[in-house]
Amino acid sequence: MLTRKTGTDEAISHTDLAPADYRLPVWFFAFEGVLAAAFDILKAFPGAWPVLVVLLVVNIGISLTLMRRRIKLAKALWRGKETRKIALGLIALRIGSHFVLNGLGLAVTTTFGHVLFALFMAATTVGLLAYSQNTAIRALTRAPEPQPAG
């Protein structure tokens, strides 16, 4: 049973929660997109590392404070095989794409190329995280199926 702060702090069942009660805010995805693009951001702008470190610390701090009520969704996301596959797929995409481009003689070496690659990685990460969130929300808000009489 989940609890939600209401005027009376009463416990409510998960079926009483709307999907919006679980949904992660847009800025969370923006943080994740920037962090997923960090490699290429640093390649394009080597002096940006302090900003990325601050964003990482702020992301962790906000996640541990403002996002506490959505901890069930976060746990469900990380427990799911799909989210781990997405994370591993993004790592493989990052490494594999650079290897493939290097093998084809099209290595990303310019600032513009790294900015484009950073945008691609950020957009891919945000899209996949949004898809994973929607899948988890559907699973969390699905009405329990009636048990057969035994």
C-alpha atoms as a PDB file:
ATOM      1  CA  MET A   1       0.000   0.000   0.000  1.00  0.00           C
ATOM      2  CA  LEU A   2       1.297   3.437  -0.920  1.00  0.00           C
ATOM      3  CA  THR A   3       0.803   6.563   1.104  1.00  0.00           C
ATOM      4  CA  ARG A   4       0.299   9.993  -0.311  1.00  0.00           C
ATOM      5  CA  LYS A   5       0.340  13.215   1.645  1.00  0.00           C
ATOM      6  CA  THR A   6      -3.178  14.470   1.883  1.00  0.00           C
ATOM      7  CA  GLY A   7      -4.891  16.689   4.380  1.00  0.00           C
ATOM      8  CA  THR A   8      -5.351  13.688   6.658  1.00  0.00           C
ATOM      9  CA  ASP A   9      -2.200  11.717   5.691  1.00  0.00           C
ATOM     10  CA  GLU A  10      -4.351   8.674   5.085  1.00  0.00           C
ATOM     11  CA  ALA A  11      -3.074   5.528   3.398  1.00  0.00           C
ATOM     12  CA  ILE A  12      -4.516   4.849  -0.023  1.00  0.00           C
ATOM     13  CA  SER A  13      -4.210   1.906  -2.335  1.00  0.00           C
ATOM     14  CA  HIS A  14      -2.143   2.127  -5.515  1.00  0.00           C
ATOM     15  CA  THR A  15      -5.308   1.891  -7.570  1.00  0.00           C
ATOM     16  CA  ASP A  16      -6.375   5.308  -6.208  1.00  0.00           C
ATOM     17  CA  LEU A  17      -3.222   6.955  -7.579  1.00  0.00           C
ATOM     18  CA  ALA A  18      -3.331   8.530 -11.001  1.00  0.00           C
ATOM     19  CA  PRO A  19      -0.446   7.981 -13.436  1.00  0.00           C
ATOM     20  CA  ALA A  20       0.537  11.630 -12.879  1.00  0.00           C
ATOM     21  CA  ASP A  21       1.292  10.746  -9.247  1.00  0.00           C
ATOM     22  CA  TYR A  22       4.022   8.383 -10.427  1.00  0.00           C
ATOM     23  CA  ARG A  23       5.349  10.323 -13.424  1.00  0.00           C
ATOM     24  CA  LEU A  24       8.871  11.698 -13.156  1.00  0.00           C
ATOM     25  CA  PRO A  25       9.228  15.409 -13.927  1.00  0.00           C
ATOM     26  CA  VAL A  26      10.593  16.594 -17.268  1.00  0.00           C
ATOM     27  CA  TRP A  27      13.659  18.180 -15.660  1.00  0.00           C
ATOM     28  CA  PHE A  28      14.708  14.741 -14.381  1.00  0.00           C
ATOM     29  CA  PHE A  29      14.924  13.515 -17.975  1.00  0.00           C
ATOM     30  CA  ALA A  30      16.873  16.643 -18.932  1.00  0.00           C
ATOM     31  CA  PHE A  31      19.447  15.856 -16.221  1.00  0.00           C
ATOM     32  CA  GLU A  32      19.741  12.280 -17.438  1.00  0.00           C
ATOM     33  CA  GLY A  33      20.067  13.388 -21.063  1.00  0.00           C
ATOM     34  CA  VAL A  34      22.893  15.799 -20.226  1.00  0.00           C
ATOM     35  CA  LEU A  35      24.697  13.158 -18.193  1.00  0.00           C
ATOM     36  CA  ALA A  36      24.294  10.614 -21.014  1.00  0.00           C
ATOM     37  CA  ALA A  37      25.848  13.145 -23.395  1.00  0.00           C
ATOM     38  CA  ALA A  38      28.673  14.021 -20.979  1.00  0.00           C
ATOM     39  CA  PHE A  39      31.390  12.199 -22.953  1.00  0.00           C
ATOM     40  CA  ASP A  40      30.779  14.216 -26.104  1.00  0.00           C
ATOM     41  CA  ILE A  41      30.140  17.424 -24.184  1.00  0.00           C
ATOM     42  CA  LEU A  42      33.588  17.036 -22.618  1.00  0.00           C
ATOM     43  CA  LYS A  43      35.145  16.245 -25.987  1.00  0.00           C
ATOM     44  CA  ALA A  44      33.566  19.354 -27.497  1.00  0.00           C
ATOM     45  CA  PHE A  45      34.137  21.594 -24.458  1.00  0.00           C
ATOM     46  CA  PRO A  46      36.871  20.194 -22.153  1.00  0.00           C
ATOM     47  CA  GLY A  47      36.356  23.019 -19.665  1.00  0.00           C
ATOM     48  CA  ALA A  48      32.751  21.978 -19.028  1.00  0.00           C
ATOM     49  CA  TRP A  49      33.592  19.250 -16.516  1.00  0.00           C
ATOM     50  CA  PRO A  50      32.893  21.409 -13.418  1.00  0.00           C
ATOM     51  CA  VAL A  51      29.403  22.158 -14.740  1.00  0.00           C
ATOM     52  CA  LEU A  52      28.780  18.439 -15.336  1.00  0.00           C
ATOM     53  CA  VAL A  53      29.988  17.582 -11.817  1.00  0.00           C
ATOM     54  CA  VAL A  54      27.648  20.219 -10.344  1.00  0.00           C
ATOM     55  CA  LEU A  55      24.746  18.869 -12.443  1.00  0.00           C
ATOM     56  CA  LEU A  56      25.498  15.339 -11.233  1.00  0.00           C
ATOM     57  CA  VAL A  57      25.544  16.443  -7.575  1.00  0.00           C
ATOM     58  CA  VAL A  58      22.354  18.490  -8.007  1.00  0.00           C
ATOM     59  CA  ASN A  59      20.681  15.543  -9.767  1.00  0.00           C
ATOM     60  CA  ILE A  60      21.564  13.205  -6.902  1.00  0.00           C
ATOM     61  CA  GLY A  61      20.484  15.737  -4.280  1.00  0.00           C
ATOM     62  CA  ILE A  62      17.153  16.443  -5.955  1.00  0.00           C
ATOM     63  CA  SER A  63      16.545  12.760  -6.561  1.00  0.00           C
ATOM     64  CA  LEU A  64      17.034  12.017  -2.861  1.00  0.00           C
ATOM     65  CA  THR A  65      14.811  14.873  -1.671  1.00  0.00           C
ATOM     66  CA  LEU A  66      12.144  16.116  -4.086  1.00  0.00           C
ATOM     67  CA  MET A  67      11.687  12.751  -5.774  1.00  0.00           C
ATOM     68  CA  ARG A  68      11.173  10.654  -2.632  1.00  0.00           C
ATOM     69  CA  ARG A  69       7.460  10.204  -3.282  1.00  0.00           C
ATOM     70  CA  ARG A  70       8.275   8.628  -6.630  1.00  0.00           C
ATOM     71  CA  ILE A  71      10.732   6.147  -5.158  1.00  0.00           C
ATOM     72  CA  LYS A  72       8.388   3.234  -5.924  1.00  0.00           C
ATOM     73  CA  LEU A  73       8.528   4.077  -9.623  1.00  0.00           C
ATOM     74  CA  ALA A  74      12.317   4.422  -9.519  1.00  0.00           C
ATOM     75  CA  LYS A  75      12.636   1.043  -7.801  1.00  0.00           C
ATOM     76  CA  ALA A  76      10.261  -0.535 -10.297  1.00  0.00           C
ATOM     77  CA  LEU A  77      12.249   0.964 -13.164  1.00  0.00           C
ATOM     78  CA  TRP A  78      15.598  -0.310 -11.906  1.00  0.00           C
ATOM     79  CA  ARG A  79      14.226  -3.712 -10.909  1.00  0.00           C
ATOM     80  CA  GLY A  80      12.876  -4.226 -14.398  1.00  0.00           C
ATOM     81  CA  LYS A  81      15.027  -6.018 -16.930  1.00  0.00           C
ATOM     82  CA  GLU A  82      13.919  -3.539 -19.567  1.00  0.00           C
ATOM     83  CA  THR A  83      15.557  -0.557 -17.840  1.00  0.00           C
ATOM     84  CA  ARG A  84      18.818  -2.425 -17.346  1.00  0.00           C
ATOM     85  CA  LYS A  85      18.715  -3.414 -21.017  1.00  0.00           C
ATOM     86  CA  ILE A  86      18.200   0.250 -21.933  1.00  0.00           C
ATOM     87  CA  ALA A  87      21.164   1.317 -19.786  1.00  0.00           C
ATOM     88  CA  LEU A  88      23.412  -1.368 -21.256  1.00  0.00           C
ATOM     89  CA  GLY A  89      22.125  -0.590 -24.747  1.00  0.00           C
ATOM     90  CA  LEU A  90      23.015   3.090 -24.337  1.00  0.00           C
ATOM     91  CA  ILE A  91      26.522   2.160 -23.228  1.00  0.00           C
ATOM     92  CA  ALA A  92      26.866  -0.230 -26.161  1.00  0.00           C
ATOM     93  CA  LEU A  93      25.515   2.456 -28.521  1.00  0.00           C
ATOM     94  CA  ARG A  94      28.023   4.966 -27.194  1.00  0.00           C
ATOM     95  CA  ILE A  95      31.047   2.680 -27.507  1.00  0.00           C
ATOM     96  CA  GLY A  96      29.912   0.801 -30.608  1.00  0.00           C
ATOM     97  CA  SER A  97      29.026   3.860 -32.633  1.00  0.00           C
ATOM     98  CA  HIS A  98      32.425   5.430 -32.050  1.00  0.00           C
ATOM     99  CA  PHE A  99      34.167   2.159 -32.980  1.00  0.00           C
ATOM    100  CA  VAL A 100      32.067   1.803 -36.132  1.00  0.00           C
ATOM    101  CA  LEU A 101      32.659   5.410 -37.162  1.00  0.00           C
ATOM    102  CA  ASN A 102      36.388   5.060 -36.497  1.00  0.00           C
ATOM    103  CA  GLY A 103      36.445   1.837 -38.526  1.00  0.00           C
ATOM    104  CA  LEU A 104      34.771   3.609 -41.439  1.00  0.00           C
ATOM    105  CA  GLY A 105      37.245   6.475 -41.245  1.00  0.00           C
ATOM    106  CA  LEU A 106      34.534   8.851 -40.061  1.00  0.00           C
ATOM    107  CA  ALA A 107      35.764   9.446 -36.528  1.00  0.00           C
ATOM    108  CA  VAL A 108      34.026  12.236 -34.652  1.00  0.00           C
ATOM    109  CA  THR A 109      36.819  14.732 -34.027  1.00  0.00           C
ATOM    110  CA  THR A 110      35.290  18.174 -34.469  1.00  0.00           C
ATOM    111  CA  THR A 111      33.475  20.241 -31.877  1.00  0.00           C
ATOM    112  CA  PHE A 112      30.403  20.317 -34.123  1.00  0.00           C
ATOM    113  CA  GLY A 113      30.492  16.524 -34.513  1.00  0.00           C
ATOM    114  CA  HIS A 114      30.680  16.008 -30.756  1.00  0.00           C
ATOM    115  CA  VAL A 115      27.830  18.478 -30.185  1.00  0.00           C
ATOM    116  CA  LEU A 116      25.683  16.573 -32.693  1.00  0.00           C
ATOM    117  CA  PHE A 117      26.604  13.271 -31.086  1.00  0.00           C
ATOM    118  CA  ALA A 118      25.813  14.705 -27.625  1.00  0.00           C
ATOM    119  CA  LEU A 119      22.397  15.836 -28.847  1.00  0.00           C
ATOM    120  CA  PHE A 120      21.766  12.401 -30.364  1.00  0.00           C
ATOM    121  CA  MET A 121      22.741  10.599 -27.140  1.00  0.00           C
ATOM    122  CA  ALA A 122      20.678  12.978 -24.991  1.00  0.00           C
ATOM    123  CA  ALA A 123      17.597  12.596 -27.198  1.00  0.00           C
ATOM    124  CA  THR A 124      17.974   8.811 -27.334  1.00  0.00           C
ATOM    125  CA  THR A 125      18.350   8.602 -23.558  1.00  0.00           C
ATOM    126  CA  VAL A 126      15.345  10.827 -22.861  1.00  0.00           C
ATOM    127  CA  GLY A 127      13.203   8.921 -25.356  1.00  0.00           C
ATOM    128  CA  LEU A 128      14.106   5.525 -23.949  1.00  0.00           C
ATOM    129  CA  LEU A 129      13.652   6.665 -20.336  1.00  0.00           C
ATOM    130  CA  ALA A 130      10.232   8.123 -21.155  1.00  0.00           C
ATOM    131  CA  TYR A 131       9.225   4.855 -22.824  1.00  0.00           C
ATOM    132  CA  SER A 132      10.486   2.849 -19.844  1.00  0.00           C
ATOM    133  CA  GLN A 133       8.626   5.141 -17.430  1.00  0.00           C
ATOM    134  CA  ASN A 134       5.359   4.756 -19.338  1.00  0.00           C
ATOM    135  CA  THR A 135       5.750   0.977 -19.309  1.00  0.00           C
ATOM    136  CA  ALA A 136       6.412   0.950 -15.553  1.00  0.00           C
ATOM    137  CA  ILE A 137       3.485   3.289 -14.841  1.00  0.00           C
ATOM    138  CA  ARG A 138       1.136   1.043 -16.802  1.00  0.00           C
ATOM    139  CA  ALA A 139       2.347  -1.917 -14.726  1.00  0.00           C
ATOM    140  CA  LEU A 140       2.019  -0.033 -11.421  1.00  0.00           C
ATOM    141  CA  THR A 141      -1.437   1.360 -12.141  1.00  0.00           C
ATOM    142  CA  ARG A 142      -2.922  -1.763 -13.676  1.00  0.00           C
ATOM    143  CA  ALA A 143      -5.802  -3.023 -11.596  1.00  0.00           C
ATOM    144  CA  PRO A 144      -5.020  -6.299  -9.858  1.00  0.00           C
ATOM    145  CA  GLU A 145      -6.540  -9.248 -11.617  1.00  0.00           C
ATOM    146  CA  PRO A 146      -9.193 -11.157  -9.661  1.00  0.00           C
ATOM    147  CA  GLN A 147      -7.913 -14.353  -8.116  1.00  0.00           C
ATOM    148  CA  PRO A 148      -9.738 -17.547  -9.104  1.00  0.00           C
ATOM    149  CA  ALA A 149     -11.784 -19.128  -6.342  1.00  0.00           C
ATOM    150  CA  GLY A 150      -9.782 -21.933  -4.895  1.00  0.00           C
END
